[in-house]
């Protein structure tokens, strides 16, 4: 299935005011009843081993800096989609993400009608707070551009 990079169609001020990085990827799906929660759950379910390895490596590298590791909720029971806390949700849009001392992050999963089927769009927004956040973003971006399309293919299939 083909994943296309698209122009983000979100209101950054409403989702993450001041975001310095925004991108979006889209895939068509033949699942006519798909909603945003189920698309997001499919995206994060059973990650390929290479993604699991990258997440484990990321957690190992950032924990000495006091940064949140994947799925950290500081003892608060939260609605989660994989490793991401849910910020808001409608049938058409699920927003997940967290704030940390180095950066704030949002993943927006939109599901919309597209002809007889639907499209799934994953939009990422990042607001960095300091040099560590900017360095982290620079290091993670090449992997992000591989991971998000791989996740979308799982939801679209």
C-alpha atoms as a PDB file:
ATOM      1  CA  UNK A   1       0.000   0.000   0.000  1.00  0.00           C
ATOM      2  CA  UNK A   2       1.240   3.416  -0.934  1.00  0.00           C
ATOM      3  CA  UNK A   3       1.761   6.038   1.758  1.00  0.00           C
ATOM      4  CA  UNK A   4       1.947   9.638   0.576  1.00  0.00           C
ATOM      5  CA  UNK A   5       3.523  12.566   2.367  1.00  0.00           C
ATOM      6  CA  UNK A   6       0.881  15.313   2.334  1.00  0.00           C
ATOM      7  CA  UNK A   7       0.552  18.908   3.437  1.00  0.00           C
ATOM      8  CA  UNK A   8      -0.621  18.887   7.068  1.00  0.00           C
ATOM      9  CA  UNK A   9      -4.283  19.857   7.379  1.00  0.00           C
ATOM     10  CA  UNK A  10      -4.491  20.679  11.087  1.00  0.00           C
ATOM     11  CA  UNK A  11      -4.663  23.802  13.222  1.00  0.00           C
ATOM     12  CA  UNK A  12      -1.251  23.806  14.938  1.00  0.00           C
ATOM     13  CA  UNK A  13      -2.284  26.587  17.341  1.00  0.00           C
ATOM     14  CA  UNK A  14      -5.128  24.434  18.660  1.00  0.00           C
ATOM     15  CA  UNK A  15      -3.119  21.200  18.858  1.00  0.00           C
ATOM     16  CA  UNK A  16       0.338  22.383  19.918  1.00  0.00           C
ATOM     17  CA  UNK A  17       0.826  26.143  19.873  1.00  0.00           C
ATOM     18  CA  UNK A  18       4.264  27.157  18.635  1.00  0.00           C
ATOM     19  CA  UNK A  19       5.084  23.793  17.038  1.00  0.00           C
ATOM     20  CA  UNK A  20       8.297  24.081  15.023  1.00  0.00           C
ATOM     21  CA  UNK A  21       7.916  20.759  13.212  1.00  0.00           C
ATOM     22  CA  UNK A  22       4.804  19.433  11.479  1.00  0.00           C
ATOM     23  CA  UNK A  23       4.478  16.686   8.898  1.00  0.00           C
ATOM     24  CA  UNK A  24       1.733  14.390   7.660  1.00  0.00           C
ATOM     25  CA  UNK A  25       1.406  11.086   5.839  1.00  0.00           C
ATOM     26  CA  UNK A  26      -1.743   9.561   4.328  1.00  0.00           C
ATOM     27  CA  UNK A  27      -2.891   6.151   3.158  1.00  0.00           C
ATOM     28  CA  UNK A  28      -6.143   4.957   1.604  1.00  0.00           C
ATOM     29  CA  UNK A  29      -7.981   2.057   3.183  1.00  0.00           C
ATOM     30  CA  UNK A  30     -10.835  -0.153   2.050  1.00  0.00           C
ATOM     31  CA  UNK A  31     -12.289  -0.361   5.562  1.00  0.00           C
ATOM     32  CA  UNK A  32     -15.465   1.773   5.254  1.00  0.00           C
ATOM     33  CA  UNK A  33     -16.334   1.649   8.991  1.00  0.00           C
ATOM     34  CA  UNK A  34     -12.888   2.542  10.350  1.00  0.00           C
ATOM     35  CA  UNK A  35     -12.767   5.236  13.028  1.00  0.00           C
ATOM     36  CA  UNK A  36      -9.775   7.154  14.384  1.00  0.00           C
ATOM     37  CA  UNK A  37      -9.321   5.019  17.524  1.00  0.00           C
ATOM     38  CA  UNK A  38      -9.256   1.756  15.605  1.00  0.00           C
ATOM     39  CA  UNK A  39      -6.880   3.234  13.011  1.00  0.00           C
ATOM     40  CA  UNK A  40      -4.541   4.447  15.777  1.00  0.00           C
ATOM     41  CA  UNK A  41      -4.717   1.089  17.563  1.00  0.00           C
ATOM     42  CA  UNK A  42      -3.879  -0.733  14.323  1.00  0.00           C
ATOM     43  CA  UNK A  43      -0.959   1.636  13.746  1.00  0.00           C
ATOM     44  CA  UNK A  44       0.687   0.839  17.077  1.00  0.00           C
ATOM     45  CA  UNK A  45      -0.269  -2.834  17.476  1.00  0.00           C
ATOM     46  CA  UNK A  46       2.503  -5.414  17.069  1.00  0.00           C
ATOM     47  CA  UNK A  47       5.302  -3.158  15.937  1.00  0.00           C
ATOM     48  CA  UNK A  48       7.940  -4.670  13.656  1.00  0.00           C
ATOM     49  CA  UNK A  49      11.019  -5.743  15.602  1.00  0.00           C
ATOM     50  CA  UNK A  50      13.139  -2.945  14.126  1.00  0.00           C
ATOM     51  CA  UNK A  51      10.711  -0.350  15.534  1.00  0.00           C
ATOM     52  CA  UNK A  52      10.635  -2.093  18.934  1.00  0.00           C
ATOM     53  CA  UNK A  53      14.451  -2.104  18.906  1.00  0.00           C
ATOM     54  CA  UNK A  54      14.590   1.636  18.084  1.00  0.00           C
ATOM     55  CA  UNK A  55      12.118   2.450  20.879  1.00  0.00           C
ATOM     56  CA  UNK A  56      14.106   0.361  23.378  1.00  0.00           C
ATOM     57  CA  UNK A  57      17.333   2.064  22.283  1.00  0.00           C
ATOM     58  CA  UNK A  58      15.669   5.482  22.568  1.00  0.00           C
ATOM     59  CA  UNK A  59      14.478   4.693  26.109  1.00  0.00           C
ATOM     60  CA  UNK A  60      17.952   3.538  27.120  1.00  0.00           C
ATOM     61  CA  UNK A  61      19.599   6.668  25.708  1.00  0.00           C
ATOM     62  CA  UNK A  62      17.167   9.271  27.092  1.00  0.00           C
ATOM     63  CA  UNK A  63      16.633   7.944  30.625  1.00  0.00           C
ATOM     64  CA  UNK A  64      19.996   9.309  31.935  1.00  0.00           C
ATOM     65  CA  UNK A  65      18.812  12.775  30.869  1.00  0.00           C
ATOM     66  CA  UNK A  66      15.647  12.470  32.948  1.00  0.00           C
ATOM     67  CA  UNK A  67      13.413  12.387  29.872  1.00  0.00           C
ATOM     68  CA  UNK A  68      10.210  10.372  29.808  1.00  0.00           C
ATOM     69  CA  UNK A  69      10.530   6.885  28.454  1.00  0.00           C
ATOM     70  CA  UNK A  70       7.874   5.498  26.143  1.00  0.00           C
ATOM     71  CA  UNK A  71       4.527   5.198  27.848  1.00  0.00           C
ATOM     72  CA  UNK A  72       5.567   6.943  31.080  1.00  0.00           C
ATOM     73  CA  UNK A  73       2.471   8.333  32.778  1.00  0.00           C
ATOM     74  CA  UNK A  74       3.932   9.234  36.183  1.00  0.00           C
ATOM     75  CA  UNK A  75       1.604   6.900  38.116  1.00  0.00           C
ATOM     76  CA  UNK A  76      -1.588   8.301  36.590  1.00  0.00           C
ATOM     77  CA  UNK A  77      -4.066   5.913  34.966  1.00  0.00           C
ATOM     78  CA  UNK A  78      -4.563   7.237  31.436  1.00  0.00           C
ATOM     79  CA  UNK A  79      -6.190   6.209  28.218  1.00  0.00           C
ATOM     80  CA  UNK A  80      -3.311   5.010  26.040  1.00  0.00           C
ATOM     81  CA  UNK A  81      -2.851   4.140  22.390  1.00  0.00           C
ATOM     82  CA  UNK A  82       0.236   1.953  22.481  1.00  0.00           C
ATOM     83  CA  UNK A  83       2.908   4.076  24.176  1.00  0.00           C
ATOM     84  CA  UNK A  84       1.045   7.359  23.670  1.00  0.00           C
ATOM     85  CA  UNK A  85      -1.390   8.963  26.144  1.00  0.00           C
ATOM     86  CA  UNK A  86      -4.649  10.058  24.457  1.00  0.00           C
ATOM     87  CA  UNK A  87      -5.158  13.831  24.629  1.00  0.00           C
ATOM     88  CA  UNK A  88      -8.539  14.033  22.861  1.00  0.00           C
ATOM     89  CA  UNK A  89     -10.743  11.892  20.691  1.00  0.00           C
ATOM     90  CA  UNK A  90     -13.679  11.934  18.287  1.00  0.00           C
ATOM     91  CA  UNK A  91     -14.647   9.204  15.795  1.00  0.00           C
ATOM     92  CA  UNK A  92     -12.843  11.175  13.072  1.00  0.00           C
ATOM     93  CA  UNK A  93      -9.754  12.323  15.024  1.00  0.00           C
ATOM     94  CA  UNK A  94      -7.589  10.986  17.824  1.00  0.00           C
ATOM     95  CA  UNK A  95      -4.867  13.177  19.318  1.00  0.00           C
ATOM     96  CA  UNK A  96      -2.168  11.492  21.401  1.00  0.00           C
ATOM     97  CA  UNK A  97       1.080  12.754  22.842  1.00  0.00           C
ATOM     98  CA  UNK A  98       2.830  14.182  25.854  1.00  0.00           C
ATOM     99  CA  UNK A  99       4.821  17.114  27.161  1.00  0.00           C
ATOM    100  CA  UNK A 100       8.369  16.667  28.411  1.00  0.00           C
ATOM    101  CA  UNK A 101      11.130  19.028  29.470  1.00  0.00           C
ATOM    102  CA  UNK A 102      12.932  18.806  26.114  1.00  0.00           C
ATOM    103  CA  UNK A 103       9.904  18.833  23.775  1.00  0.00           C
ATOM    104  CA  UNK A 104       6.151  18.457  23.465  1.00  0.00           C
ATOM    105  CA  UNK A 105       4.798  15.959  20.944  1.00  0.00           C
ATOM    106  CA  UNK A 106       1.424  15.250  19.336  1.00  0.00           C
ATOM    107  CA  UNK A 107       0.326  12.510  16.967  1.00  0.00           C
ATOM    108  CA  UNK A 108      -2.961  13.249  15.217  1.00  0.00           C
ATOM    109  CA  UNK A 109      -4.761  10.383  13.479  1.00  0.00           C
ATOM    110  CA  UNK A 110      -7.556  11.542  11.172  1.00  0.00           C
ATOM    111  CA  UNK A 111      -9.947   9.227   9.342  1.00  0.00           C
ATOM    112  CA  UNK A 112     -12.057  10.706   6.547  1.00  0.00           C
ATOM    113  CA  UNK A 113     -14.281   9.489   3.703  1.00  0.00           C
ATOM    114  CA  UNK A 114     -12.476   9.198   0.389  1.00  0.00           C
ATOM    115  CA  UNK A 115     -14.754   7.902  -2.336  1.00  0.00           C
ATOM    116  CA  UNK A 116     -16.160   4.488  -1.376  1.00  0.00           C
ATOM    117  CA  UNK A 117     -13.420   3.959   1.230  1.00  0.00           C
ATOM    118  CA  UNK A 118     -11.584   6.079   3.789  1.00  0.00           C
ATOM    119  CA  UNK A 119      -8.224   7.733   4.197  1.00  0.00           C
ATOM    120  CA  UNK A 120      -6.038   7.702   7.293  1.00  0.00           C
ATOM    121  CA  UNK A 121      -3.753  10.664   7.910  1.00  0.00           C
ATOM    122  CA  UNK A 122      -1.073  10.694  10.608  1.00  0.00           C
ATOM    123  CA  UNK A 123       0.141  14.195  11.465  1.00  0.00           C
ATOM    124  CA  UNK A 124       3.046  14.784  13.830  1.00  0.00           C
ATOM    125  CA  UNK A 125       3.661  18.077  15.644  1.00  0.00           C
ATOM    126  CA  UNK A 126       6.703  18.858  17.796  1.00  0.00           C
ATOM    127  CA  UNK A 127       7.533  21.871  19.947  1.00  0.00           C
ATOM    128  CA  UNK A 128      11.116  21.864  21.217  1.00  0.00           C
ATOM    129  CA  UNK A 129      12.029  23.668  24.454  1.00  0.00           C
ATOM    130  CA  UNK A 130      15.824  23.697  24.473  1.00  0.00           C
ATOM    131  CA  UNK A 131      19.009  22.484  22.791  1.00  0.00           C
ATOM    132  CA  UNK A 132      18.397  18.946  23.964  1.00  0.00           C
ATOM    133  CA  UNK A 133      14.966  18.970  22.319  1.00  0.00           C
ATOM    134  CA  UNK A 134      16.344  20.331  19.057  1.00  0.00           C
ATOM    135  CA  UNK A 135      19.167  17.757  19.062  1.00  0.00           C
ATOM    136  CA  UNK A 136      16.725  14.952  19.871  1.00  0.00           C
ATOM    137  CA  UNK A 137      14.436  16.018  17.029  1.00  0.00           C
ATOM    138  CA  UNK A 138      17.349  16.146  14.576  1.00  0.00           C
ATOM    139  CA  UNK A 139      18.445  12.621  15.541  1.00  0.00           C
ATOM    140  CA  UNK A 140      14.964  11.088  15.504  1.00  0.00           C
ATOM    141  CA  UNK A 141      13.635  12.625  12.246  1.00  0.00           C
ATOM    142  CA  UNK A 142      15.197  10.128   9.806  1.00  0.00           C
ATOM    143  CA  UNK A 143      13.680   7.274  11.823  1.00  0.00           C
ATOM    144  CA  UNK A 144      10.349   9.096  12.155  1.00  0.00           C
ATOM    145  CA  UNK A 145      10.106   9.308   8.348  1.00  0.00           C
ATOM    146  CA  UNK A 146      10.420   5.489   8.194  1.00  0.00           C
ATOM    147  CA  UNK A 147       8.298   4.602  11.221  1.00  0.00           C
ATOM    148  CA  UNK A 148       5.146   6.647  10.504  1.00  0.00           C
ATOM    149  CA  UNK A 149       4.611   5.242   6.980  1.00  0.00           C
ATOM    150  CA  UNK A 150       5.243   1.707   8.308  1.00  0.00           C
ATOM    151  CA  UNK A 151       2.633   2.289  11.019  1.00  0.00           C
ATOM    152  CA  UNK A 152       0.122   3.661   8.494  1.00  0.00           C
ATOM    153  CA  UNK A 153       0.523   0.595   6.253  1.00  0.00           C
ATOM    154  CA  UNK A 154      -0.581  -1.572   9.177  1.00  0.00           C
ATOM    155  CA  UNK A 155      -3.739   0.503   9.657  1.00  0.00           C
ATOM    156  CA  UNK A 156      -4.553   0.662   5.964  1.00  0.00           C
ATOM    157  CA  UNK A 157      -4.195  -3.047   5.237  1.00  0.00           C
END
